[in-house]
């Protein structure tokens, strides 16, 4: 689509564009425009197929229980220990220092725990 727009802008300035990869066809002529439209349609079709396959693969992986993104900083046992410390009144900053992580990580664990309960 970008190439088509560029060719149209060049044609408006009376600049003819020849594509050597297509046998030197003039992309500003009617046959060249048709060729460009066909190639553009095929490229769009390929892009749509790629997106469809990607979304299908992601859906399949999720249904199989695969996890996306970075691995969690704290494992389940550590998360439970964080919740216990929060309940006992330890500050978020102190917990973060104890587990060598950030306050934001501790707060995420706290919010996730609150959502579960």
PDB file of N, CA and C in Angstrom:
ATOM      1  N   UNK A   1       0.824  -1.182   0.000  1.00  0.00           N
ATOM      2  CA  UNK A   1       0.000   0.000   0.000  1.00  0.00           C
ATOM      3  C   UNK A   1       0.872   1.251   0.000  1.00  0.00           C
ATOM      4  N   UNK A   2       1.984   1.207   0.730  1.00  0.00           N
ATOM      5  CA  UNK A   2       2.891   2.353   0.751  1.00  0.00           C
ATOM      6  C   UNK A   2       3.516   2.564  -0.623  1.00  0.00           C
ATOM      7  N   UNK A   3       3.868   1.467  -1.267  1.00  0.00           N
ATOM      8  CA  UNK A   3       4.483   1.579  -2.589  1.00  0.00           C
ATOM      9  C   UNK A   3       3.480   2.149  -3.573  1.00  0.00           C
ATOM     10  N   UNK A   4       2.241   1.681  -3.510  1.00  0.00           N
ATOM     11  CA  UNK A   4       1.209   2.188  -4.418  1.00  0.00           C
ATOM     12  C   UNK A   4       1.021   3.693  -4.226  1.00  0.00           C
ATOM     13  N   UNK A   5       0.984   4.126  -2.979  1.00  0.00           N
ATOM     14  CA  UNK A   5       0.818   5.554  -2.686  1.00  0.00           C
ATOM     15  C   UNK A   5       2.007   6.352  -3.220  1.00  0.00           C
ATOM     16  N   UNK A   6       3.197   5.831  -3.034  1.00  0.00           N
ATOM     17  CA  UNK A   6       4.401   6.504  -3.535  1.00  0.00           C
ATOM     18  C   UNK A   6       4.373   6.600  -5.052  1.00  0.00           C
ATOM     19  N   UNK A   7       3.999   5.521  -5.727  1.00  0.00           N
ATOM     20  CA  UNK A   7       3.926   5.522  -7.187  1.00  0.00           C
ATOM     21  C   UNK A   7       2.878   6.527  -7.661  1.00  0.00           C
ATOM     22  N   UNK A   8       1.746   6.587  -6.972  1.00  0.00           N
ATOM     23  CA  UNK A   8       0.703   7.554  -7.345  1.00  0.00           C
ATOM     24  C   UNK A   8       1.201   8.988  -7.174  1.00  0.00           C
ATOM     25  N   UNK A   9       1.934   9.258  -6.096  1.00  0.00           N
ATOM     26  CA  UNK A   9       2.473  10.606  -5.879  1.00  0.00           C
ATOM     27  C   UNK A   9       3.505  10.960  -6.958  1.00  0.00           C
ATOM     28  N   UNK A  10       4.329   9.998  -7.318  1.00  0.00           N
ATOM     29  CA  UNK A  10       5.315  10.243  -8.364  1.00  0.00           C
ATOM     30  C   UNK A  10       4.633  10.457  -9.716  1.00  0.00           C
ATOM     31  N   UNK A  11       3.594   9.675 -10.001  1.00  0.00           N
ATOM     32  CA  UNK A  11       2.860   9.815 -11.261  1.00  0.00           C
ATOM     33  C   UNK A  11       2.188  11.183 -11.351  1.00  0.00           C
ATOM     34  N   UNK A  12       1.717  11.700 -10.212  1.00  0.00           N
ATOM     35  CA  UNK A  12       1.098  13.028 -10.196  1.00  0.00           C
ATOM     36  C   UNK A  12       2.120  14.109 -10.544  1.00  0.00           C
ATOM     37  N   UNK A  13       3.397  13.828 -10.341  1.00  0.00           N
ATOM     38  CA  UNK A  13       4.471  14.768 -10.684  1.00  0.00           C
ATOM     39  C   UNK A  13       5.087  14.431 -12.042  1.00  0.00           C
ATOM     40  N   UNK A  14       4.359  13.627 -12.838  1.00  0.00           N
ATOM     41  CA  UNK A  14       4.812  13.201 -14.172  1.00  0.00           C
ATOM     42  C   UNK A  14       6.123  12.418 -14.131  1.00  0.00           C
ATOM     43  N   UNK A  15       6.300  11.626 -13.072  1.00  0.00           N
ATOM     44  CA  UNK A  15       7.461  10.747 -12.961  1.00  0.00           C
ATOM     45  C   UNK A  15       6.987   9.322 -13.188  1.00  0.00           C
ATOM     46  N   UNK A  16       7.595   8.658 -14.153  1.00  0.00           N
ATOM     47  CA  UNK A  16       7.205   7.287 -14.464  1.00  0.00           C
ATOM     48  C   UNK A  16       8.082   6.329 -13.652  1.00  0.00           C
ATOM     49  N   UNK A  17       7.475   5.300 -13.126  1.00  0.00           N
ATOM     50  CA  UNK A  17       8.185   4.320 -12.303  1.00  0.00           C
ATOM     51  C   UNK A  17       8.163   2.985 -13.029  1.00  0.00           C
ATOM     52  N   UNK A  18       9.344   2.427 -13.255  1.00  0.00           N
ATOM     53  CA  UNK A  18       9.467   1.128 -13.916  1.00  0.00           C
ATOM     54  C   UNK A  18      10.006   0.123 -12.903  1.00  0.00           C
ATOM     55  N   UNK A  19       9.367  -1.010 -12.827  1.00  0.00           N
ATOM     56  CA  UNK A  19       9.803  -2.056 -11.897  1.00  0.00           C
ATOM     57  C   UNK A  19      10.624  -3.079 -12.664  1.00  0.00           C
ATOM     58  N   UNK A  20      11.917  -3.092 -12.389  1.00  0.00           N
ATOM     59  CA  UNK A  20      12.815  -4.012 -13.084  1.00  0.00           C
ATOM     60  C   UNK A  20      12.549  -5.467 -12.701  1.00  0.00           C
ATOM     61  N   UNK A  21      12.085  -5.689 -11.475  1.00  0.00           N
ATOM     62  CA  UNK A  21      11.809  -7.059 -11.025  1.00  0.00           C
ATOM     63  C   UNK A  21      10.629  -7.667 -11.783  1.00  0.00           C
ATOM     64  N   UNK A  22       9.794  -6.810 -12.369  1.00  0.00           N
ATOM     65  CA  UNK A  22       8.633  -7.294 -13.136  1.00  0.00           C
ATOM     66  C   UNK A  22       8.854  -7.119 -14.634  1.00  0.00           C
ATOM     67  N   UNK A  23      10.101  -7.157 -15.048  1.00  0.00           N
ATOM     68  CA  UNK A  23      10.401  -7.050 -16.470  1.00  0.00           C
ATOM     69  C   UNK A  23      10.365  -5.624 -16.991  1.00  0.00           C
ATOM     70  N   UNK A  24      10.528  -4.664 -16.123  1.00  0.00           N
ATOM     71  CA  UNK A  24      10.570  -3.273 -16.544  1.00  0.00           C
ATOM     72  C   UNK A  24       9.208  -2.650 -16.786  1.00  0.00           C
ATOM     73  N   UNK A  25       8.155  -3.248 -16.248  1.00  0.00           N
ATOM     74  CA  UNK A  25       6.800  -2.722 -16.462  1.00  0.00           C
ATOM     75  C   UNK A  25       6.674  -1.326 -15.849  1.00  0.00           C
ATOM     76  N   UNK A  26       5.997  -0.433 -16.575  1.00  0.00           N
ATOM     77  CA  UNK A  26       5.757   0.931 -16.103  1.00  0.00           C
ATOM     78  C   UNK A  26       4.572   0.897 -15.144  1.00  0.00           C
ATOM     79  N   UNK A  27       4.818   1.135 -13.861  1.00  0.00           N
ATOM     80  CA  UNK A  27       3.770   1.042 -12.839  1.00  0.00           C
ATOM     81  C   UNK A  27       2.779   2.193 -12.905  1.00  0.00           C
ATOM     82  N   UNK A  28       3.081   3.221 -13.710  1.00  0.00           N
ATOM     83  CA  UNK A  28       2.146   4.338 -13.854  1.00  0.00           C
ATOM     84  C   UNK A  28       1.206   4.140 -15.035  1.00  0.00           C
ATOM     85  N   UNK A  29       1.452   3.125 -15.851  1.00  0.00           N
ATOM     86  CA  UNK A  29       0.565   2.832 -16.987  1.00  0.00           C
ATOM     87  C   UNK A  29      -0.597   1.963 -16.517  1.00  0.00           C
ATOM     88  N   UNK A  30      -1.681   1.906 -17.291  1.00  0.00           N
ATOM     89  CA  UNK A  30      -2.821   1.054 -16.886  1.00  0.00           C
ATOM     90  C   UNK A  30      -2.439  -0.410 -16.620  1.00  0.00           C
ATOM     91  N   UNK A  31      -1.652  -1.072 -17.491  1.00  0.00           N
ATOM     92  CA  UNK A  31      -1.264  -2.459 -17.159  1.00  0.00           C
ATOM     93  C   UNK A  31      -0.400  -2.530 -15.892  1.00  0.00           C
ATOM     94  N   UNK A  32       0.459  -1.534 -15.697  1.00  0.00           N
ATOM     95  CA  UNK A  32       1.299  -1.502 -14.500  1.00  0.00           C
ATOM     96  C   UNK A  32       0.478  -1.314 -13.242  1.00  0.00           C
ATOM     97  N   UNK A  33      -0.541  -0.436 -13.314  1.00  0.00           N
ATOM     98  CA  UNK A  33      -1.431  -0.228 -12.172  1.00  0.00           C
ATOM     99  C   UNK A  33      -2.170  -1.511 -11.818  1.00  0.00           C
ATOM    100  N   UNK A  34      -2.635  -2.227 -12.872  1.00  0.00           N
ATOM    101  CA  UNK A  34      -3.336  -3.490 -12.624  1.00  0.00           C
ATOM    102  C   UNK A  34      -2.394  -4.506 -11.979  1.00  0.00           C
ATOM    103  N   UNK A  35      -1.169  -4.586 -12.478  1.00  0.00           N
ATOM    104  CA  UNK A  35      -0.180  -5.507 -11.914  1.00  0.00           C
ATOM    105  C   UNK A  35       0.069  -5.181 -10.448  1.00  0.00           C
ATOM    106  N   UNK A  36       0.214  -3.890 -10.164  1.00  0.00           N
ATOM    107  CA  UNK A  36       0.459  -3.466  -8.792  1.00  0.00           C
ATOM    108  C   UNK A  36      -0.734  -3.807  -7.897  1.00  0.00           C
ATOM    109  N   UNK A  37      -1.950  -3.656  -8.414  1.00  0.00           N
ATOM    110  CA  UNK A  37      -3.142  -3.980  -7.620  1.00  0.00           C
ATOM    111  C   UNK A  37      -3.220  -5.468  -7.334  1.00  0.00           C
ATOM    112  N   UNK A  38      -2.878  -6.285  -8.330  1.00  0.00           N
ATOM    113  CA  UNK A  38      -2.899  -7.738  -8.128  1.00  0.00           C
ATOM    114  C   UNK A  38      -1.856  -8.134  -7.080  1.00  0.00           C
ATOM    115  N   UNK A  39      -0.663  -7.595  -7.188  1.00  0.00           N
ATOM    116  CA  UNK A  39       0.390  -7.907  -6.221  1.00  0.00           C
ATOM    117  C   UNK A  39      -0.014  -7.421  -4.832  1.00  0.00           C
ATOM    118  N   UNK A  40      -0.623  -6.250  -4.760  1.00  0.00           N
ATOM    119  CA  UNK A  40      -1.080  -5.712  -3.480  1.00  0.00           C
ATOM    120  C   UNK A  40      -2.159  -6.601  -2.871  1.00  0.00           C
ATOM    121  N   UNK A  41      -3.087  -7.089  -3.702  1.00  0.00           N
ATOM    122  CA  UNK A  41      -4.153  -7.964  -3.201  1.00  0.00           C
ATOM    123  C   UNK A  41      -3.573  -9.278  -2.678  1.00  0.00           C
ATOM    124  N   UNK A  42      -2.607  -9.830  -3.380  1.00  0.00           N
ATOM    125  CA  UNK A  42      -1.973 -11.082  -2.949  1.00  0.00           C
ATOM    126  C   UNK A  42      -1.220 -10.857  -1.638  1.00  0.00           C
ATOM    127  N   UNK A  43      -0.526  -9.731  -1.525  1.00  0.00           N
ATOM    128  CA  UNK A  43       0.203  -9.431  -0.294  1.00  0.00           C
ATOM    129  C   UNK A  43      -0.756  -9.265   0.881  1.00  0.00           C
ATOM    130  N   UNK A  44      -1.880  -8.600   0.649  1.00  0.00           N
ATOM    131  CA  UNK A  44      -2.871  -8.430   1.719  1.00  0.00           C
ATOM    132  C   UNK A  44      -3.463  -9.777   2.123  1.00  0.00           C
ATOM    133  N   UNK A  45      -3.721 -10.638   1.135  1.00  0.00           N
ATOM    134  CA  UNK A  45      -4.230 -11.981   1.416  1.00  0.00           C
ATOM    135  C   UNK A  45      -3.243 -12.765   2.265  1.00  0.00           C
ATOM    136  N   UNK A  46      -1.958 -12.709   1.907  1.00  0.00           N
ATOM    137  CA  UNK A  46      -0.919 -13.402   2.673  1.00  0.00           C
ATOM    138  C   UNK A  46      -0.847 -12.877   4.097  1.00  0.00           C
ATOM    139  N   UNK A  47      -0.940 -11.547   4.259  1.00  0.00           N
ATOM    140  CA  UNK A  47      -0.900 -10.956   5.595  1.00  0.00           C
ATOM    141  C   UNK A  47      -2.081 -11.425   6.431  1.00  0.00           C
ATOM    142  N   UNK A  48      -3.278 -11.459   5.820  1.00  0.00           N
ATOM    143  CA  UNK A  48      -4.459 -11.928   6.545  1.00  0.00           C
ATOM    144  C   UNK A  48      -4.327 -13.390   6.959  1.00  0.00           C
ATOM    145  N   UNK A  49      -3.773 -14.229   6.062  1.00  0.00           N
ATOM    146  CA  UNK A  49      -3.555 -15.639   6.411  1.00  0.00           C
ATOM    147  C   UNK A  49      -2.568 -15.765   7.568  1.00  0.00           C
ATOM    148  N   UNK A  50      -1.510 -14.977   7.533  1.00  0.00           N
ATOM    149  CA  UNK A  50      -0.517 -15.014   8.603  1.00  0.00           C
ATOM    150  C   UNK A  50      -1.143 -14.621   9.936  1.00  0.00           C
ATOM    151  N   UNK A  51      -1.944 -13.554   9.934  1.00  0.00           N
ATOM    152  CA  UNK A  51      -2.613 -13.133  11.171  1.00  0.00           C
ATOM    153  C   UNK A  51      -3.565 -14.219  11.678  1.00  0.00           C
ATOM    154  N   UNK A  52      -4.293 -14.824  10.764  1.00  0.00           N
ATOM    155  CA  UNK A  52      -5.238 -15.880  11.156  1.00  0.00           C
ATOM    156  C   UNK A  52      -4.505 -17.065  11.782  1.00  0.00           C
ATOM    157  N   UNK A  53      -3.392 -17.470  11.153  1.00  0.00           N
ATOM    158  CA  UNK A  53      -2.619 -18.590  11.702  1.00  0.00           C
ATOM    159  C   UNK A  53      -2.008 -18.226  13.051  1.00  0.00           C
ATOM    160  N   UNK A  54      -1.549 -16.990  13.184  1.00  0.00           N
ATOM    161  CA  UNK A  54      -0.968 -16.546  14.448  1.00  0.00           C
ATOM    162  C   UNK A  54      -1.999 -16.577  15.562  1.00  0.00           C
ATOM    163  N   UNK A  55      -3.175 -16.012  15.302  1.00  0.00           N
ATOM    164  CA  UNK A  55      -4.229 -15.998  16.314  1.00  0.00           C
ATOM    165  C   UNK A  55      -4.688 -17.418  16.660  1.00  0.00           C
ATOM    166  N   UNK A  56      -4.756 -18.263  15.662  1.00  0.00           N
ATOM    167  CA  UNK A  56      -5.142 -19.653  15.898  1.00  0.00           C
ATOM    168  C   UNK A  56      -4.105 -20.362  16.774  1.00  0.00           C
ATOM    169  N   UNK A  57      -2.829 -20.135  16.482  1.00  0.00           N
ATOM    170  CA  UNK A  57      -1.762 -20.747  17.279  1.00  0.00           C
ATOM    171  C   UNK A  57      -1.764 -20.253  18.719  1.00  0.00           C
ATOM    172  N   UNK A  58      -2.010 -18.965  18.904  1.00  0.00           N
ATOM    173  CA  UNK A  58      -2.076 -18.408  20.264  1.00  0.00           C
ATOM    174  C   UNK A  58      -3.253 -19.001  21.019  1.00  0.00           C
ATOM    175  N   UNK A  59      -4.406 -19.102  20.364  1.00  0.00           N
ATOM    176  CA  UNK A  59      -5.593 -19.677  21.015  1.00  0.00           C
ATOM    177  C   UNK A  59      -5.345 -21.130  21.404  1.00  0.00           C
ATOM    178  N   UNK A  60      -4.695 -21.896  20.502  1.00  0.00           N
ATOM    179  CA  UNK A  60      -4.405 -23.301  20.802  1.00  0.00           C
ATOM    180  C   UNK A  60      -3.447 -23.403  21.987  1.00  0.00           C
ATOM    181  N   UNK A  61      -2.411 -22.568  21.991  1.00  0.00           N
ATOM    182  CA  UNK A  61      -1.440 -22.602  23.086  1.00  0.00           C
ATOM    183  C   UNK A  61      -2.109 -22.251  24.412  1.00  0.00           C
ATOM    184  N   UNK A  62      -2.996 -21.263  24.403  1.00  0.00           N
ATOM    185  CA  UNK A  62      -3.698 -20.895  25.642  1.00  0.00           C
ATOM    186  C   UNK A  62      -4.596 -22.031  26.111  1.00  0.00           C
ATOM    187  N   UNK A  63      -5.267 -22.702  25.157  1.00  0.00           N
ATOM    188  CA  UNK A  63      -6.151 -23.801  25.549  1.00  0.00           C
ATOM    189  C   UNK A  63      -5.360 -24.969  26.136  1.00  0.00           C
ATOM    190  N   UNK A  64      -4.091 -25.079  25.747  1.00  0.00           N
ATOM    191  CA  UNK A  64      -3.224 -26.122  26.298  1.00  0.00           C
ATOM    192  C   UNK A  64      -2.567 -25.679  27.601  1.00  0.00           C
ATOM    193  N   UNK A  65      -2.900 -24.457  28.046  1.00  0.00           N
ATOM    194  CA  UNK A  65      -2.388 -23.978  29.326  1.00  0.00           C
ATOM    195  C   UNK A  65      -0.999 -23.363  29.276  1.00  0.00           C
ATOM    196  N   UNK A  66      -0.506 -23.058  28.076  1.00  0.00           N
ATOM    197  CA  UNK A  66       0.819 -22.443  27.977  1.00  0.00           C
ATOM    198  C   UNK A  66       0.749 -21.011  28.486  1.00  0.00           C
ATOM    199  N   UNK A  67       1.828 -20.593  29.105  1.00  0.00           N
ATOM    200  CA  UNK A  67       1.899 -19.254  29.678  1.00  0.00           C
ATOM    201  C   UNK A  67       2.655 -18.340  28.732  1.00  0.00           C
ATOM    202  N   UNK A  68       2.184 -17.100  28.590  1.00  0.00           N
ATOM    203  CA  UNK A  68       2.839 -16.121  27.736  1.00  0.00           C
ATOM    204  C   UNK A  68       3.540 -15.081  28.590  1.00  0.00           C
ATOM    205  N   UNK A  69       4.528 -14.427  28.017  1.00  0.00           N
ATOM    206  CA  UNK A  69       5.206 -13.348  28.714  1.00  0.00           C
ATOM    207  C   UNK A  69       6.400 -13.846  29.515  1.00  0.00           C
ATOM    208  N   UNK A  70       6.923 -12.923  30.301  1.00  0.00           N
ATOM    209  CA  UNK A  70       8.078 -13.249  31.129  1.00  0.00           C
ATOM    210  C   UNK A  70       7.668 -14.165  32.270  1.00  0.00           C
ATOM    211  N   UNK A  71       8.601 -14.993  32.738  1.00  0.00           N
ATOM    212  CA  UNK A  71       8.280 -15.834  33.898  1.00  0.00           C
ATOM    213  C   UNK A  71       8.099 -14.964  35.135  1.00  0.00           C
ATOM    214  N   UNK A  72       7.268 -15.401  36.067  1.00  0.00           N
ATOM    215  CA  UNK A  72       7.054 -14.602  37.281  1.00  0.00           C
ATOM    216  C   UNK A  72       8.345 -14.497  38.096  1.00  0.00           C
ATOM    217  N   UNK A  73       8.504 -13.357  38.753  1.00  0.00           N
ATOM    218  CA  UNK A  73       9.696 -13.119  39.576  1.00  0.00           C
ATOM    219  C   UNK A  73       9.648 -13.992  40.826  1.00  0.00           C
ATOM    220  N   UNK A  74       8.451 -14.145  41.381  1.00  0.00           N
ATOM    221  CA  UNK A  74       8.273 -14.933  42.605  1.00  0.00           C
ATOM    222  C   UNK A  74       7.489 -16.203  42.283  1.00  0.00           C
ATOM    223  N   UNK A  75       7.961 -17.333  42.811  1.00  0.00           N
ATOM    224  CA  UNK A  75       7.206 -18.572  42.605  1.00  0.00           C
ATOM    225  C   UNK A  75       6.010 -18.609  43.566  1.00  0.00           C
ATOM    226  N   UNK A  76       5.218 -19.651  43.478  1.00  0.00           N
ATOM    227  CA  UNK A  76       3.984 -19.738  44.287  1.00  0.00           C
ATOM    228  C   UNK A  76       4.281 -19.706  45.792  1.00  0.00           C
ATOM    229  N   UNK A  77       5.299 -20.426  46.218  1.00  0.00           N
ATOM    230  CA  UNK A  77       5.643 -20.438  47.648  1.00  0.00           C
ATOM    231  C   UNK A  77       6.053 -19.042  48.125  1.00  0.00           C
ATOM    232  N   UNK A  78       6.837 -18.359  47.311  1.00  0.00           N
ATOM    233  CA  UNK A  78       7.253 -17.006  47.670  1.00  0.00           C
ATOM    234  C   UNK A  78       6.051 -16.056  47.714  1.00  0.00           C
ATOM    235  N   UNK A  79       5.130 -16.221  46.773  1.00  0.00           N
ATOM    236  CA  UNK A  79       3.932 -15.376  46.758  1.00  0.00           C
ATOM    237  C   UNK A  79       3.102 -15.588  48.019  1.00  0.00           C
ATOM    238  N   UNK A  80       2.982 -16.840  48.447  1.00  0.00           N
ATOM    239  CA  UNK A  80       2.257 -17.126  49.688  1.00  0.00           C
ATOM    240  C   UNK A  80       2.971 -16.502  50.890  1.00  0.00           C
ATOM    241  N   UNK A  81       4.296 -16.550  50.883  1.00  0.00           N
ATOM    242  CA  UNK A  81       5.068 -15.939  51.973  1.00  0.00           C
ATOM    243  C   UNK A  81       4.872 -14.419  51.973  1.00  0.00           C
ATOM    244  N   UNK A  82       4.804 -13.821  50.793  1.00  0.00           N
ATOM    245  CA  UNK A  82       4.558 -12.375  50.682  1.00  0.00           C
ATOM    246  C   UNK A  82       3.203 -12.037  51.293  1.00  0.00           C
ATOM    247  N   UNK A  83       2.175 -12.815  50.961  1.00  0.00           N
ATOM    248  CA  UNK A  83       0.820 -12.562  51.485  1.00  0.00           C
ATOM    249  C   UNK A  83       0.823 -12.665  53.010  1.00  0.00           C
ATOM    250  N   UNK A  84       1.519 -13.671  53.545  1.00  0.00           N
ATOM    251  CA  UNK A  84       1.591 -13.831  55.004  1.00  0.00           C
ATOM    252  C   UNK A  84       2.262 -12.622  55.655  1.00  0.00           C
ATOM    253  N   UNK A  85       3.317 -12.126  55.046  1.00  0.00           N
ATOM    254  CA  UNK A  85       4.011 -10.967  55.607  1.00  0.00           C
ATOM    255  C   UNK A  85       3.139  -9.710  55.531  1.00  0.00           C
ATOM    256  N   UNK A  86       2.408  -9.572  54.448  1.00  0.00           N
ATOM    257  CA  UNK A  86       1.493  -8.425  54.326  1.00  0.00           C
ATOM    258  C   UNK A  86       0.443  -8.490  55.431  1.00  0.00           C
ATOM    259  N   UNK A  87      -0.102  -9.693  55.641  1.00  0.00           N
ATOM    260  CA  UNK A  87      -1.131  -9.873  56.675  1.00  0.00           C
ATOM    261  C   UNK A  87      -0.568  -9.596  58.071  1.00  0.00           C
ATOM    262  N   UNK A  88       0.714  -9.880  58.268  1.00  0.00           N
ATOM    263  CA  UNK A  88       1.302  -9.658  59.587  1.00  0.00           C
ATOM    264  C   UNK A  88       1.739  -8.207  59.794  1.00  0.00           C
ATOM    265  N   UNK A  89       1.550  -7.361  58.783  1.00  0.00           N
ATOM    266  CA  UNK A  89       1.816  -5.941  58.948  1.00  0.00           C
ATOM    267  C   UNK A  89       3.178  -5.455  58.492  1.00  0.00           C
ATOM    268  N   UNK A  90       3.949  -6.299  57.836  1.00  0.00           N
ATOM    269  CA  UNK A  90       5.253  -5.880  57.328  1.00  0.00           C
ATOM    270  C   UNK A  90       5.010  -4.927  56.149  1.00  0.00           C
ATOM    271  N   UNK A  91       5.836  -3.890  56.049  1.00  0.00           N
ATOM    272  CA  UNK A  91       5.640  -2.916  54.977  1.00  0.00           C
ATOM    273  C   UNK A  91       5.994  -3.510  53.613  1.00  0.00           C
ATOM    274  N   UNK A  92       5.383  -2.942  52.577  1.00  0.00           N
ATOM    275  CA  UNK A  92       5.630  -3.403  51.211  1.00  0.00           C
ATOM    276  C   UNK A  92       7.112  -3.243  50.865  1.00  0.00           C
ATOM    277  N   UNK A  93       7.695  -2.112  51.250  1.00  0.00           N
ATOM    278  CA  UNK A  93       9.121  -1.879  50.959  1.00  0.00           C
ATOM    279  C   UNK A  93      10.009  -2.922  51.631  1.00  0.00           C
ATOM    280  N   UNK A  94       9.704  -3.258  52.876  1.00  0.00           N
ATOM    281  CA  UNK A  94      10.510  -4.254  53.593  1.00  0.00           C
ATOM    282  C   UNK A  94      10.384  -5.626  52.936  1.00  0.00           C
ATOM    283  N   UNK A  95       9.183  -5.967  52.511  1.00  0.00           N
ATOM    284  CA  UNK A  95       8.973  -7.260  51.838  1.00  0.00           C
ATOM    285  C   UNK A  95       9.750  -7.280  50.521  1.00  0.00           C
ATOM    286  N   UNK A  96       9.693  -6.180  49.785  1.00  0.00           N
ATOM    287  CA  UNK A  96      10.413  -6.102  48.508  1.00  0.00           C
ATOM    288  C   UNK A  96      11.912  -6.286  48.723  1.00  0.00           C
ATOM    289  N   UNK A  97      12.450  -5.652  49.742  1.00  0.00           N
ATOM    290  CA  UNK A  97      13.881  -5.817  50.041  1.00  0.00           C
ATOM    291  C   UNK A  97      14.198  -7.260  50.421  1.00  0.00           C
ATOM    292  N   UNK A  98      13.329  -7.862  51.209  1.00  0.00           N
ATOM    293  CA  UNK A  98      13.557  -9.247  51.653  1.00  0.00           C
ATOM    294  C   UNK A  98      13.611 -10.214  50.474  1.00  0.00           C
ATOM    295  N   UNK A  99      12.748  -9.993  49.472  1.00  0.00           N
ATOM    296  CA  UNK A  99      12.688 -10.903  48.323  1.00  0.00           C
ATOM    297  C   UNK A  99      13.507 -10.397  47.125  1.00  0.00           C
ATOM    298  N   UNK A 100      14.269  -9.328  47.350  1.00  0.00           N
ATOM    299  CA  UNK A 100      15.120  -8.748  46.294  1.00  0.00           C
ATOM    300  C   UNK A 100      14.328  -8.456  45.023  1.00  0.00           C
ATOM    301  N   UNK A 101      13.229  -7.761  45.193  1.00  0.00           N
ATOM    302  CA  UNK A 101      12.396  -7.400  44.058  1.00  0.00           C
ATOM    303  C   UNK A 101      11.882  -5.977  44.258  1.00  0.00           C
ATOM    304  N   UNK A 102      10.954  -5.562  43.420  1.00  0.00           N
ATOM    305  CA  UNK A 102      10.442  -4.192  43.515  1.00  0.00           C
ATOM    306  C   UNK A 102       9.141  -4.149  44.318  1.00  0.00           C
ATOM    307  N   UNK A 103       8.812  -2.950  44.766  1.00  0.00           N
ATOM    308  CA  UNK A 103       7.540  -2.743  45.471  1.00  0.00           C
ATOM    309  C   UNK A 103       6.381  -3.112  44.544  1.00  0.00           C
ATOM    310  N   UNK A 104       6.518  -2.771  43.253  1.00  0.00           N
ATOM    311  CA  UNK A 104       5.452  -3.041  42.291  1.00  0.00           C
ATOM    312  C   UNK A 104       5.158  -4.540  42.192  1.00  0.00           C
ATOM    313  N   UNK A 105       6.179  -5.356  42.233  1.00  0.00           N
ATOM    314  CA  UNK A 105       5.981  -6.809  42.194  1.00  0.00           C
ATOM    315  C   UNK A 105       5.187  -7.269  43.412  1.00  0.00           C
ATOM    316  N   UNK A 106       5.540  -6.745  44.580  1.00  0.00           N
ATOM    317  CA  UNK A 106       4.825  -7.116  45.808  1.00  0.00           C
ATOM    318  C   UNK A 106       3.369  -6.646  45.730  1.00  0.00           C
ATOM    319  N   UNK A 107       3.166  -5.446  45.225  1.00  0.00           N
ATOM    320  CA  UNK A 107       1.792  -4.933  45.096  1.00  0.00           C
ATOM    321  C   UNK A 107       0.981  -5.769  44.111  1.00  0.00           C
ATOM    322  N   UNK A 108       1.615  -6.240  43.034  1.00  0.00           N
ATOM    323  CA  UNK A 108       0.902  -7.108  42.073  1.00  0.00           C
ATOM    324  C   UNK A 108       0.465  -8.409  42.739  1.00  0.00           C
ATOM    325  N   UNK A 109       1.337  -8.982  43.559  1.00  0.00           N
ATOM    326  CA  UNK A 109       0.992 -10.208  44.288  1.00  0.00           C
ATOM    327  C   UNK A 109      -0.186  -9.932  45.217  1.00  0.00           C
ATOM    328  N   UNK A 110      -0.160  -8.801  45.896  1.00  0.00           N
ATOM    329  CA  UNK A 110      -1.228  -8.422  46.822  1.00  0.00           C
ATOM    330  C   UNK A 110      -2.566  -8.271  46.079  1.00  0.00           C
ATOM    331  N   UNK A 111      -2.539  -7.576  44.951  1.00  0.00           N
ATOM    332  CA  UNK A 111      -3.770  -7.370  44.160  1.00  0.00           C
ATOM    333  C   UNK A 111      -4.296  -8.690  43.625  1.00  0.00           C
ATOM    334  N   UNK A 112      -3.401  -9.546  43.114  1.00  0.00           N
ATOM    335  CA  UNK A 112      -3.828 -10.843  42.603  1.00  0.00           C
ATOM    336  C   UNK A 112      -4.469 -11.677  43.707  1.00  0.00           C
ATOM    337  N   UNK A 113      -3.909 -11.617  44.898  1.00  0.00           N
ATOM    338  CA  UNK A 113      -4.468 -12.358  46.031  1.00  0.00           C
ATOM    339  C   UNK A 113      -5.857 -11.807  46.401  1.00  0.00           C
ATOM    340  N   UNK A 114      -6.007 -10.492  46.373  1.00  0.00           N
ATOM    341  CA  UNK A 114      -7.288  -9.875  46.692  1.00  0.00           C
ATOM    342  C   UNK A 114      -8.363 -10.258  45.671  1.00  0.00           C
ATOM    343  N   UNK A 115      -7.969 -10.381  44.405  1.00  0.00           N
ATOM    344  CA  UNK A 115      -8.923 -10.764  43.364  1.00  0.00           C
ATOM    345  C   UNK A 115      -9.404 -12.207  43.560  1.00  0.00           C
ATOM    346  N   UNK A 116      -8.504 -13.063  44.052  1.00  0.00           N
ATOM    347  CA  UNK A 116      -8.863 -14.461  44.265  1.00  0.00           C
ATOM    348  C   UNK A 116      -9.813 -14.626  45.440  1.00  0.00           C
ATOM    349  N   UNK A 117      -9.746 -13.734  46.387  1.00  0.00           N
ATOM    350  CA  UNK A 117     -10.566 -13.863  47.601  1.00  0.00           C
ATOM    351  C   UNK A 117     -11.742 -12.943  47.571  1.00  0.00           C
TER     352      UNK A 117
END
